[in-house]
Amino acid sequence: MNTNGKPSPPLTLGRLSRGRDNRLFVNAVLYRVRTGISWRDLPERFGPWNTVARRFRRWAQAGVWEALFQAVQEPDYAWVLVDSTTLKAHKAAAGQKKVRPQPKA
């Protein structure tokens, strides 16, 4: 936590940023979430299950996951306003001229 009470960015959390392979660790967590397995059933390619579980707990206690979820949330586009007076469409954007059928005599 910072002095203002907010979680620190993940790269400045000291011990948490020194993992051997963050990508492998995050992939292990995503695999576990996606498949719904327990930590003990984690495939060996992700490393020792206990190491992954302890690291997950450390990140959770440090607020890394919360900061990550906040960072990847959809941005709020309510403040964006596009005014038609500032845009010009190409003349082809109006569409093809309408062909009116000739009245039959």
PDB file of N, CA and C in Angstrom:
ATOM      1  N   MET A   1       0.829  -1.188   0.000  1.00  0.00           N
ATOM      2  CA  MET A   1       0.000   0.000   0.000  1.00  0.00           C
ATOM      3  C   MET A   1       0.871   1.248   0.000  1.00  0.00           C
ATOM      4  N   ASN A   2       0.401   2.245  -0.732  1.00  0.00           N
ATOM      5  CA  ASN A   2       1.076   3.539  -0.729  1.00  0.00           C
ATOM      6  C   ASN A   2       0.725   4.298   0.534  1.00  0.00           C
ATOM      7  N   THR A   3       1.314   5.476   0.677  1.00  0.00           N
ATOM      8  CA  THR A   3       0.982   6.321   1.824  1.00  0.00           C
ATOM      9  C   THR A   3      -0.429   6.868   1.724  1.00  0.00           C
ATOM     10  N   ASN A   4      -0.985   6.925   0.506  1.00  0.00           N
ATOM     11  CA  ASN A   4      -2.347   7.420   0.340  1.00  0.00           C
ATOM     12  C   ASN A   4      -3.392   6.306   0.420  1.00  0.00           C
ATOM     13  N   GLY A   5      -2.986   5.086   0.757  1.00  0.00           N
ATOM     14  CA  GLY A   5      -3.928   3.993   0.968  1.00  0.00           C
ATOM     15  C   GLY A   5      -4.274   3.191  -0.267  1.00  0.00           C
ATOM     16  N   LYS A   6      -3.706   3.530  -1.418  1.00  0.00           N
ATOM     17  CA  LYS A   6      -3.992   2.788  -2.639  1.00  0.00           C
ATOM     18  C   LYS A   6      -2.921   1.723  -2.861  1.00  0.00           C
ATOM     19  N   PRO A   7      -3.272   0.608  -3.525  1.00  0.00           N
ATOM     20  CA  PRO A   7      -2.269  -0.428  -3.796  1.00  0.00           C
ATOM     21  C   PRO A   7      -1.176   0.105  -4.712  1.00  0.00           C
ATOM     22  N   SER A   8       0.031  -0.342  -4.476  1.00  0.00           N
ATOM     23  CA  SER A   8       1.152   0.042  -5.321  1.00  0.00           C
ATOM     24  C   SER A   8       1.049  -0.688  -6.652  1.00  0.00           C
ATOM     25  N   PRO A   9       1.628  -0.124  -7.709  1.00  0.00           N
ATOM     26  CA  PRO A   9       1.647  -0.850  -8.983  1.00  0.00           C
ATOM     27  C   PRO A   9       2.396  -2.166  -8.822  1.00  0.00           C
ATOM     28  N   PRO A  10       2.019  -3.190  -9.576  1.00  0.00           N
ATOM     29  CA  PRO A  10       2.627  -4.511  -9.409  1.00  0.00           C
ATOM     30  C   PRO A  10       4.140  -4.537  -9.543  1.00  0.00           C
ATOM     31  N   LEU A  11       4.718  -3.668 -10.349  1.00  0.00           N
ATOM     32  CA  LEU A  11       6.161  -3.711 -10.555  1.00  0.00           C
ATOM     33  C   LEU A  11       6.935  -3.128  -9.384  1.00  0.00           C
ATOM     34  N   THR A  12       6.277  -2.422  -8.477  1.00  0.00           N
ATOM     35  CA  THR A  12       6.983  -1.815  -7.356  1.00  0.00           C
ATOM     36  C   THR A  12       6.619  -2.464  -6.031  1.00  0.00           C
ATOM     37  N   LEU A  13       6.171  -3.697  -6.077  1.00  0.00           N
ATOM     38  CA  LEU A  13       5.757  -4.363  -4.848  1.00  0.00           C
ATOM     39  C   LEU A  13       6.895  -5.158  -4.211  1.00  0.00           C
ATOM     40  N   GLY A  14       8.124  -4.821  -4.532  1.00  0.00           N
ATOM     41  CA  GLY A  14       9.266  -5.460  -3.887  1.00  0.00           C
ATOM     42  C   GLY A  14       9.380  -6.926  -4.229  1.00  0.00           C
ATOM     43  N   ARG A  15       9.229  -7.766  -3.251  1.00  0.00           N
ATOM     44  CA  ARG A  15       9.434  -9.200  -3.387  1.00  0.00           C
ATOM     45  C   ARG A  15       8.524  -9.835  -4.430  1.00  0.00           C
ATOM     46  N   LEU A  16       7.362  -9.270  -4.642  1.00  0.00           N
ATOM     47  CA  LEU A  16       6.403  -9.863  -5.570  1.00  0.00           C
ATOM     48  C   LEU A  16       6.843  -9.781  -7.021  1.00  0.00           C
ATOM     49  N   SER A  17       7.697  -8.842  -7.353  1.00  0.00           N
ATOM     50  CA  SER A  17       8.068  -8.672  -8.755  1.00  0.00           C
ATOM     51  C   SER A  17       9.289  -9.491  -9.146  1.00  0.00           C
ATOM     52  N   ARG A  18       9.830 -10.300  -8.240  1.00  0.00           N
ATOM     53  CA  ARG A  18      11.064 -11.024  -8.523  1.00  0.00           C
ATOM     54  C   ARG A  18      10.848 -12.473  -8.931  1.00  0.00           C
ATOM     55  N   GLY A  19       9.662 -12.810  -9.364  1.00  0.00           N
ATOM     56  CA  GLY A  19       9.381 -14.186  -9.756  1.00  0.00           C
ATOM     57  C   GLY A  19      10.191 -14.612 -10.956  1.00  0.00           C
ATOM     58  N   ARG A  20      10.383 -15.910 -11.082  1.00  0.00           N
ATOM     59  CA  ARG A  20      11.161 -16.422 -12.212  1.00  0.00           C
ATOM     60  C   ARG A  20      10.480 -16.126 -13.529  1.00  0.00           C
ATOM     61  N   ASP A  21       9.198 -16.401 -13.598  1.00  0.00           N
ATOM     62  CA  ASP A  21       8.490 -16.215 -14.861  1.00  0.00           C
ATOM     63  C   ASP A  21       7.054 -15.812 -14.548  1.00  0.00           C
ATOM     64  N   ASN A  22       6.776 -14.529 -14.579  1.00  0.00           N
ATOM     65  CA  ASN A  22       5.426 -14.051 -14.279  1.00  0.00           C
ATOM     66  C   ASN A  22       4.409 -14.574 -15.282  1.00  0.00           C
ATOM     67  N   ARG A  23       4.801 -14.701 -16.546  1.00  0.00           N
ATOM     68  CA  ARG A  23       3.864 -15.175 -17.559  1.00  0.00           C
ATOM     69  C   ARG A  23       3.440 -16.612 -17.276  1.00  0.00           C
ATOM     70  N   LEU A  24       4.392 -17.452 -16.905  1.00  0.00           N
ATOM     71  CA  LEU A  24       4.069 -18.836 -16.581  1.00  0.00           C
ATOM     72  C   LEU A  24       3.154 -18.905 -15.361  1.00  0.00           C
ATOM     73  N   PHE A  25       3.428 -18.065 -14.372  1.00  0.00           N
ATOM     74  CA  PHE A  25       2.599 -18.037 -13.172  1.00  0.00           C
ATOM     75  C   PHE A  25       1.173 -17.591 -13.488  1.00  0.00           C
ATOM     76  N   VAL A  26       1.032 -16.516 -14.258  1.00  0.00           N
ATOM     77  CA  VAL A  26      -0.305 -16.030 -14.611  1.00  0.00           C
ATOM     78  C   VAL A  26      -1.029 -17.068 -15.461  1.00  0.00           C
ATOM     79  N   ASN A  27      -0.322 -17.728 -16.358  1.00  0.00           N
ATOM     80  CA  ASN A  27      -0.935 -18.801 -17.148  1.00  0.00           C
ATOM     81  C   ASN A  27      -1.408 -19.943 -16.257  1.00  0.00           C
ATOM     82  N   ALA A  28      -0.651 -20.261 -15.203  1.00  0.00           N
ATOM     83  CA  ALA A  28      -1.065 -21.304 -14.275  1.00  0.00           C
ATOM     84  C   ALA A  28      -2.346 -20.915 -13.556  1.00  0.00           C
ATOM     85  N   VAL A  29      -2.424 -19.656 -13.138  1.00  0.00           N
ATOM     86  CA  VAL A  29      -3.629 -19.186 -12.454  1.00  0.00           C
ATOM     87  C   VAL A  29      -4.822 -19.202 -13.409  1.00  0.00           C
ATOM     88  N   LEU A  30      -4.617 -18.728 -14.635  1.00  0.00           N
ATOM     89  CA  LEU A  30      -5.705 -18.737 -15.613  1.00  0.00           C
ATOM     90  C   LEU A  30      -6.146 -20.165 -15.942  1.00  0.00           C
ATOM     91  N   TYR A  31      -5.188 -21.087 -16.032  1.00  0.00           N
ATOM     92  CA  TYR A  31      -5.521 -22.494 -16.296  1.00  0.00           C
ATOM     93  C   TYR A  31      -6.384 -23.043 -15.171  1.00  0.00           C
ATOM     94  N   ARG A  32      -6.000 -22.730 -13.939  1.00  0.00           N
ATOM     95  CA  ARG A  32      -6.761 -23.217 -12.786  1.00  0.00           C
ATOM     96  C   ARG A  32      -8.175 -22.647 -12.774  1.00  0.00           C
ATOM     97  N   VAL A  33      -8.301 -21.371 -13.080  1.00  0.00           N
ATOM     98  CA  VAL A  33      -9.623 -20.741 -13.101  1.00  0.00           C
ATOM     99  C   VAL A  33     -10.477 -21.323 -14.223  1.00  0.00           C
ATOM    100  N   ARG A  34      -9.855 -21.497 -15.386  1.00  0.00           N
ATOM    101  CA  ARG A  34     -10.591 -21.991 -16.553  1.00  0.00           C
ATOM    102  C   ARG A  34     -11.068 -23.428 -16.369  1.00  0.00           C
ATOM    103  N   THR A  35     -10.235 -24.280 -15.765  1.00  0.00           N
ATOM    104  CA  THR A  35     -10.587 -25.693 -15.643  1.00  0.00           C
ATOM    105  C   THR A  35     -11.284 -26.020 -14.329  1.00  0.00           C
ATOM    106  N   GLY A  36     -11.106 -25.183 -13.313  1.00  0.00           N
ATOM    107  CA  GLY A  36     -11.748 -25.426 -12.037  1.00  0.00           C
ATOM    108  C   GLY A  36     -11.071 -26.494 -11.192  1.00  0.00           C
ATOM    109  N   ILE A  37      -9.805 -26.774 -11.458  1.00  0.00           N
ATOM    110  CA  ILE A  37      -9.086 -27.803 -10.708  1.00  0.00           C
ATOM    111  C   ILE A  37      -8.569 -27.238  -9.387  1.00  0.00           C
ATOM    112  N   SER A  38      -8.146 -28.121  -8.500  1.00  0.00           N
ATOM    113  CA  SER A  38      -7.525 -27.676  -7.257  1.00  0.00           C
ATOM    114  C   SER A  38      -6.049 -27.376  -7.533  1.00  0.00           C
ATOM    115  N   TRP A  39      -5.399 -26.725  -6.574  1.00  0.00           N
ATOM    116  CA  TRP A  39      -3.983 -26.389  -6.755  1.00  0.00           C
ATOM    117  C   TRP A  39      -3.149 -27.654  -6.933  1.00  0.00           C
ATOM    118  N   ARG A  40      -3.479 -28.698  -6.203  1.00  0.00           N
ATOM    119  CA  ARG A  40      -2.691 -29.941  -6.272  1.00  0.00           C
ATOM    120  C   ARG A  40      -2.749 -30.606  -7.640  1.00  0.00           C
ATOM    121  N   ASP A  41      -3.799 -30.353  -8.394  1.00  0.00           N
ATOM    122  CA  ASP A  41      -3.954 -30.977  -9.710  1.00  0.00           C
ATOM    123  C   ASP A  41      -3.350 -30.149 -10.841  1.00  0.00           C
ATOM    124  N   LEU A  42      -2.660 -29.079 -10.511  1.00  0.00           N
ATOM    125  CA  LEU A  42      -2.037 -28.232 -11.523  1.00  0.00           C
ATOM    126  C   LEU A  42      -0.960 -29.023 -12.269  1.00  0.00           C
ATOM    127  N   PRO A  43      -0.949 -28.977 -13.603  1.00  0.00           N
ATOM    128  CA  PRO A  43       0.060 -29.740 -14.363  1.00  0.00           C
ATOM    129  C   PRO A  43       1.488 -29.325 -13.983  1.00  0.00           C
ATOM    130  N   GLU A  44       2.407 -30.256 -14.094  1.00  0.00           N
ATOM    131  CA  GLU A  44       3.799 -30.032 -13.703  1.00  0.00           C
ATOM    132  C   GLU A  44       4.481 -28.956 -14.531  1.00  0.00           C
ATOM    133  N   ARG A  45       3.995 -28.695 -15.733  1.00  0.00           N
ATOM    134  CA  ARG A  45       4.643 -27.697 -16.588  1.00  0.00           C
ATOM    135  C   ARG A  45       4.592 -26.292 -15.980  1.00  0.00           C
ATOM    136  N   PHE A  46       3.698 -26.077 -15.009  1.00  0.00           N
ATOM    137  CA  PHE A  46       3.594 -24.782 -14.340  1.00  0.00           C
ATOM    138  C   PHE A  46       4.481 -24.699 -13.105  1.00  0.00           C
ATOM    139  N   GLY A  47       5.184 -25.763 -12.784  1.00  0.00           N
ATOM    140  CA  GLY A  47       6.047 -25.778 -11.613  1.00  0.00           C
ATOM    141  C   GLY A  47       5.335 -26.420 -10.434  1.00  0.00           C
ATOM    142  N   PRO A  48       6.003 -26.412  -9.271  1.00  0.00           N
ATOM    143  CA  PRO A  48       5.389 -27.023  -8.079  1.00  0.00           C
ATOM    144  C   PRO A  48       4.086 -26.312  -7.712  1.00  0.00           C
ATOM    145  N   TRP A  49       3.039 -27.097  -7.479  1.00  0.00           N
ATOM    146  CA  TRP A  49       1.727 -26.506  -7.214  1.00  0.00           C
ATOM    147  C   TRP A  49       1.746 -25.629  -5.975  1.00  0.00           C
ATOM    148  N   ASN A  50       2.511 -26.035  -4.961  1.00  0.00           N
ATOM    149  CA  ASN A  50       2.539 -25.273  -3.717  1.00  0.00           C
ATOM    150  C   ASN A  50       3.188 -23.895  -3.920  1.00  0.00           C
ATOM    151  N   THR A  51       4.189 -23.834  -4.762  1.00  0.00           N
ATOM    152  CA  THR A  51       4.841 -22.563  -5.062  1.00  0.00           C
ATOM    153  C   THR A  51       3.869 -21.625  -5.757  1.00  0.00           C
ATOM    154  N   VAL A  52       3.119 -22.151  -6.714  1.00  0.00           N
ATOM    155  CA  VAL A  52       2.143 -21.338  -7.437  1.00  0.00           C
ATOM    156  C   VAL A  52       1.045 -20.871  -6.489  1.00  0.00           C
ATOM    157  N   ALA A  53       0.573 -21.744  -5.620  1.00  0.00           N
ATOM    158  CA  ALA A  53      -0.492 -21.393  -4.678  1.00  0.00           C
ATOM    159  C   ALA A  53      -0.023 -20.327  -3.691  1.00  0.00           C
ATOM    160  N   ARG A  54       1.207 -20.470  -3.173  1.00  0.00           N
ATOM    161  CA  ARG A  54       1.727 -19.477  -2.224  1.00  0.00           C
ATOM    162  C   ARG A  54       1.920 -18.123  -2.903  1.00  0.00           C
ATOM    163  N   ARG A  55       2.410 -18.164  -4.134  1.00  0.00           N
ATOM    164  CA  ARG A  55       2.609 -16.906  -4.857  1.00  0.00           C
ATOM    165  C   ARG A  55       1.272 -16.237  -5.152  1.00  0.00           C
ATOM    166  N   PHE A  56       0.251 -17.027  -5.494  1.00  0.00           N
ATOM    167  CA  PHE A  56      -1.082 -16.481  -5.722  1.00  0.00           C
ATOM    168  C   PHE A  56      -1.590 -15.789  -4.457  1.00  0.00           C
ATOM    169  N   ARG A  57      -1.400 -16.438  -3.318  1.00  0.00           N
ATOM    170  CA  ARG A  57      -1.850 -15.861  -2.048  1.00  0.00           C
ATOM    171  C   ARG A  57      -1.105 -14.568  -1.724  1.00  0.00           C
ATOM    172  N   ARG A  58       0.201 -14.554  -1.966  1.00  0.00           N
ATOM    173  CA  ARG A  58       0.974 -13.318  -1.716  1.00  0.00           C
ATOM    174  C   ARG A  58       0.471 -12.178  -2.591  1.00  0.00           C
ATOM    175  N   TRP A  59       0.224 -12.457  -3.858  1.00  0.00           N
ATOM    176  CA  TRP A  59      -0.272 -11.420  -4.768  1.00  0.00           C
ATOM    177  C   TRP A  59      -1.648 -10.940  -4.326  1.00  0.00           C
ATOM    178  N   ALA A  60      -2.489 -11.869  -3.869  1.00  0.00           N
ATOM    179  CA  ALA A  60      -3.833 -11.494  -3.417  1.00  0.00           C
ATOM    180  C   ALA A  60      -3.747 -10.596  -2.184  1.00  0.00           C
ATOM    181  N   GLN A  61      -2.894 -10.939  -1.246  1.00  0.00           N
ATOM    182  CA  GLN A  61      -2.748 -10.134  -0.029  1.00  0.00           C
ATOM    183  C   GLN A  61      -2.157  -8.761  -0.320  1.00  0.00           C
ATOM    184  N   ALA A  62      -1.312  -8.665  -1.330  1.00  0.00           N
ATOM    185  CA  ALA A  62      -0.682  -7.387  -1.682  1.00  0.00           C
ATOM    186  C   ALA A  62      -1.575  -6.520  -2.568  1.00  0.00           C
ATOM    187  N   GLY A  63      -2.696  -7.062  -3.040  1.00  0.00           N
ATOM    188  CA  GLY A  63      -3.616  -6.294  -3.873  1.00  0.00           C
ATOM    189  C   GLY A  63      -3.261  -6.258  -5.347  1.00  0.00           C
ATOM    190  N   VAL A  64      -2.363  -7.139  -5.757  1.00  0.00           N
ATOM    191  CA  VAL A  64      -1.943  -7.151  -7.169  1.00  0.00           C
ATOM    192  C   VAL A  64      -3.105  -7.535  -8.075  1.00  0.00           C
ATOM    193  N   TRP A  65      -3.890  -8.541  -7.690  1.00  0.00           N
ATOM    194  CA  TRP A  65      -5.000  -8.981  -8.543  1.00  0.00           C
ATOM    195  C   TRP A  65      -6.048  -7.884  -8.661  1.00  0.00           C
ATOM    196  N   GLU A  66      -6.339  -7.212  -7.559  1.00  0.00           N
ATOM    197  CA  GLU A  66      -7.322  -6.120  -7.590  1.00  0.00           C
ATOM    198  C   GLU A  66      -6.846  -5.006  -8.524  1.00  0.00           C
ATOM    199  N   ALA A  67      -5.567  -4.657  -8.429  1.00  0.00           N
ATOM    200  CA  ALA A  67      -5.018  -3.618  -9.311  1.00  0.00           C
ATOM    201  C   ALA A  67      -5.066  -4.062 -10.773  1.00  0.00           C
ATOM    202  N   LEU A  68      -4.793  -5.332 -11.021  1.00  0.00           N
ATOM    203  CA  LEU A  68      -4.845  -5.862 -12.385  1.00  0.00           C
ATOM    204  C   LEU A  68      -6.256  -5.807 -12.938  1.00  0.00           C
ATOM    205  N   PHE A  69      -7.241  -6.227 -12.137  1.00  0.00           N
ATOM    206  CA  PHE A  69      -8.629  -6.194 -12.598  1.00  0.00           C
ATOM    207  C   PHE A  69      -9.091  -4.768 -12.854  1.00  0.00           C
ATOM    208  N   GLN A  70      -8.673  -3.832 -12.029  1.00  0.00           N
ATOM    209  CA  GLN A  70      -9.037  -2.432 -12.234  1.00  0.00           C
ATOM    210  C   GLN A  70      -8.417  -1.897 -13.533  1.00  0.00           C
ATOM    211  N   ALA A  71      -7.195  -2.331 -13.820  1.00  0.00           N
ATOM    212  CA  ALA A  71      -6.495  -1.845 -15.014  1.00  0.00           C
ATOM    213  C   ALA A  71      -7.101  -2.365 -16.310  1.00  0.00           C
ATOM    214  N   VAL A  72      -7.679  -3.557 -16.286  1.00  0.00           N
ATOM    215  CA  VAL A  72      -8.189  -4.148 -17.530  1.00  0.00           C
ATOM    216  C   VAL A  72      -9.687  -3.989 -17.703  1.00  0.00           C
ATOM    217  N   GLN A  73     -10.343  -3.282 -16.794  1.00  0.00           N
ATOM    218  CA  GLN A  73     -11.777  -3.059 -16.959  1.00  0.00           C
ATOM    219  C   GLN A  73     -12.039  -2.165 -18.152  1.00  0.00           C
ATOM    220  N   GLU A  74     -13.233  -2.290 -18.697  1.00  0.00           N
ATOM    221  CA  GLU A  74     -13.622  -1.468 -19.828  1.00  0.00           C
ATOM    222  C   GLU A  74     -13.655  -0.008 -19.420  1.00  0.00           C
ATOM    223  N   PRO A  75     -13.062   0.868 -20.206  1.00  0.00           N
ATOM    224  CA  PRO A  75     -13.085   2.286 -19.851  1.00  0.00           C
ATOM    225  C   PRO A  75     -14.492   2.868 -19.994  1.00  0.00           C
ATOM    226  N   ASP A  76     -14.731   3.946 -19.305  1.00  0.00           N
ATOM    227  CA  ASP A  76     -16.023   4.620 -19.350  1.00  0.00           C
ATOM    228  C   ASP A  76     -15.995   5.631 -20.495  1.00  0.00           C
ATOM    229  N   TYR A  77     -16.768   5.376 -21.525  1.00  0.00           N
ATOM    230  CA  TYR A  77     -16.792   6.259 -22.687  1.00  0.00           C
ATOM    231  C   TYR A  77     -17.888   7.309 -22.594  1.00  0.00           C
ATOM    232  N   ALA A  78     -18.513   7.457 -21.444  1.00  0.00           N
ATOM    233  CA  ALA A  78     -19.604   8.426 -21.301  1.00  0.00           C
ATOM    234  C   ALA A  78     -19.122   9.857 -21.520  1.00  0.00           C
ATOM    235  N   TRP A  79     -17.858  10.136 -21.264  1.00  0.00           N
ATOM    236  CA  TRP A  79     -17.341  11.491 -21.397  1.00  0.00           C
ATOM    237  C   TRP A  79     -16.974  11.842 -22.842  1.00  0.00           C
ATOM    238  N   VAL A  80     -16.973  10.858 -23.729  1.00  0.00           N
ATOM    239  CA  VAL A  80     -16.612  11.103 -25.123  1.00  0.00           C
ATOM    240  C   VAL A  80     -17.833  11.626 -25.873  1.00  0.00           C
ATOM    241  N   LEU A  81     -17.658  12.726 -26.575  1.00  0.00           N
ATOM    242  CA  LEU A  81     -18.748  13.307 -27.348  1.00  0.00           C
ATOM    243  C   LEU A  81     -18.230  13.611 -28.753  1.00  0.00           C
ATOM    244  N   VAL A  82     -18.907  13.111 -29.741  1.00  0.00           N
ATOM    245  CA  VAL A  82     -18.543  13.387 -31.128  1.00  0.00           C
ATOM    246  C   VAL A  82     -19.618  14.286 -31.697  1.00  0.00           C
ATOM    247  N   ASP A  83     -19.208  15.462 -32.089  1.00  0.00           N
ATOM    248  CA  ASP A  83     -20.133  16.450 -32.629  1.00  0.00           C
ATOM    249  C   ASP A  83     -20.069  16.385 -34.152  1.00  0.00           C
ATOM    250  N   SER A  84     -21.216  16.333 -34.789  1.00  0.00           N
ATOM    251  CA  SER A  84     -21.234  16.193 -36.249  1.00  0.00           C
ATOM    252  C   SER A  84     -20.690  17.426 -36.953  1.00  0.00           C
ATOM    253  N   THR A  85     -20.606  18.555 -36.286  1.00  0.00           N
ATOM    254  CA  THR A  85     -20.054  19.748 -36.945  1.00  0.00           C
ATOM    255  C   THR A  85     -18.548  19.648 -37.100  1.00  0.00           C
ATOM    256  N   THR A  86     -17.919  18.733 -36.381  1.00  0.00           N
ATOM    257  CA  THR A  86     -16.474  18.590 -36.489  1.00  0.00           C
ATOM    258  C   THR A  86     -16.065  17.477 -37.435  1.00  0.00           C
ATOM    259  N   LEU A  87     -17.026  16.738 -37.959  1.00  0.00           N
ATOM    260  CA  LEU A  87     -16.732  15.624 -38.846  1.00  0.00           C
ATOM    261  C   LEU A  87     -17.255  15.902 -40.241  1.00  0.00           C
ATOM    262  N   LYS A  88     -16.497  15.453 -41.202  1.00  0.00           N
ATOM    263  CA  LYS A  88     -16.963  15.533 -42.585  1.00  0.00           C
ATOM    264  C   LYS A  88     -16.902  14.135 -43.168  1.00  0.00           C
ATOM    265  N   ALA A  89     -17.996  13.718 -43.734  1.00  0.00           N
ATOM    266  CA  ALA A  89     -18.045  12.411 -44.364  1.00  0.00           C
ATOM    267  C   ALA A  89     -17.692  12.559 -45.840  1.00  0.00           C
ATOM    268  N   HIS A  90     -17.112  11.526 -46.379  1.00  0.00           N
ATOM    269  CA  HIS A  90     -16.817  11.504 -47.800  1.00  0.00           C
ATOM    270  C   HIS A  90     -18.136  11.489 -48.557  1.00  0.00           C
ATOM    271  N   LYS A  91     -18.139  12.083 -49.762  1.00  0.00           N
ATOM    272  CA  LYS A  91     -19.396  12.159 -50.499  1.00  0.00           C
ATOM    273  C   LYS A  91     -19.967  10.787 -50.827  1.00  0.00           C
ATOM    274  N   ALA A  92     -19.118   9.761 -50.898  1.00  0.00           N
ATOM    275  CA  ALA A  92     -19.614   8.415 -51.172  1.00  0.00           C
ATOM    276  C   ALA A  92     -20.304   7.820 -49.942  1.00  0.00           C
ATOM    277  N   ALA A  93     -20.113   8.428 -48.789  1.00  0.00           N
ATOM    278  CA  ALA A  93     -20.716   7.894 -47.572  1.00  0.00           C
ATOM    279  C   ALA A  93     -22.225   8.109 -47.541  1.00  0.00           C
ATOM    280  N   ALA A  94     -22.732   8.988 -48.395  1.00  0.00           N
ATOM    281  CA  ALA A  94     -24.165   9.258 -48.420  1.00  0.00           C
ATOM    282  C   ALA A  94     -24.939   8.123 -49.077  1.00  0.00           C
ATOM    283  N   GLY A  95     -24.258   7.265 -49.783  1.00  0.00           N
ATOM    284  CA  GLY A  95     -24.921   6.138 -50.424  1.00  0.00           C
ATOM    285  C   GLY A  95     -25.176   6.410 -51.902  1.00  0.00           C
ATOM    286  N   GLN A  96     -25.700   5.434 -52.545  1.00  0.00           N
ATOM    287  CA  GLN A  96     -25.960   5.520 -53.976  1.00  0.00           C
ATOM    288  C   GLN A  96     -27.227   6.348 -54.206  1.00  0.00           C
ATOM    289  N   LYS A  97     -27.235   7.068 -55.340  1.00  0.00           N
ATOM    290  CA  LYS A  97     -28.430   7.838 -55.683  1.00  0.00           C
ATOM    291  C   LYS A  97     -29.584   6.884 -55.900  1.00  0.00           C
ATOM    292  N   LYS A  98     -30.725   7.305 -55.439  1.00  0.00           N
ATOM    293  CA  LYS A  98     -31.911   6.464 -55.584  1.00  0.00           C
ATOM    294  C   LYS A  98     -32.453   6.579 -57.014  1.00  0.00           C
ATOM    295  N   VAL A  99     -32.777   5.453 -57.581  1.00  0.00           N
ATOM    296  CA  VAL A  99     -33.347   5.418 -58.921  1.00  0.00           C
ATOM    297  C   VAL A  99     -34.841   5.228 -58.765  1.00  0.00           C
ATOM    298  N   ARG A 100     -35.580   6.217 -59.234  1.00  0.00           N
ATOM    299  CA  ARG A 100     -37.025   6.126 -59.130  1.00  0.00           C
ATOM    300  C   ARG A 100     -37.588   5.489 -60.401  1.00  0.00           C
ATOM    301  N   PRO A 101     -38.466   4.544 -60.232  1.00  0.00           N
ATOM    302  CA  PRO A 101     -39.025   3.901 -61.416  1.00  0.00           C
ATOM    303  C   PRO A 101     -39.886   4.887 -62.225  1.00  0.00           C
ATOM    304  N   GLN A 102     -39.783   4.757 -63.542  1.00  0.00           N
ATOM    305  CA  GLN A 102     -40.591   5.615 -64.437  1.00  0.00           C
ATOM    306  C   GLN A 102     -42.052   5.142 -64.394  1.00  0.00           C
ATOM    307  N   PRO A 103     -42.976   6.069 -64.306  1.00  0.00           N
ATOM    308  CA  PRO A 103     -44.382   5.646 -64.326  1.00  0.00           C
ATOM    309  C   PRO A 103     -44.740   5.068 -65.684  1.00  0.00           C
ATOM    310  N   LYS A 104     -45.518   4.003 -65.683  1.00  0.00           N
ATOM    311  CA  LYS A 104     -45.920   3.363 -66.930  1.00  0.00           C
ATOM    312  C   LYS A 104     -47.096   4.136 -67.528  1.00  0.00           C
ATOM    313  N   ALA A 105     -47.009   4.351 -68.838  1.00  0.00           N
ATOM    314  CA  ALA A 105     -48.063   5.090 -69.491  1.00  0.00           C
ATOM    315  C   ALA A 105     -48.980   4.200 -70.254  1.00  0.00           C
TER     316      ALA A 105
END
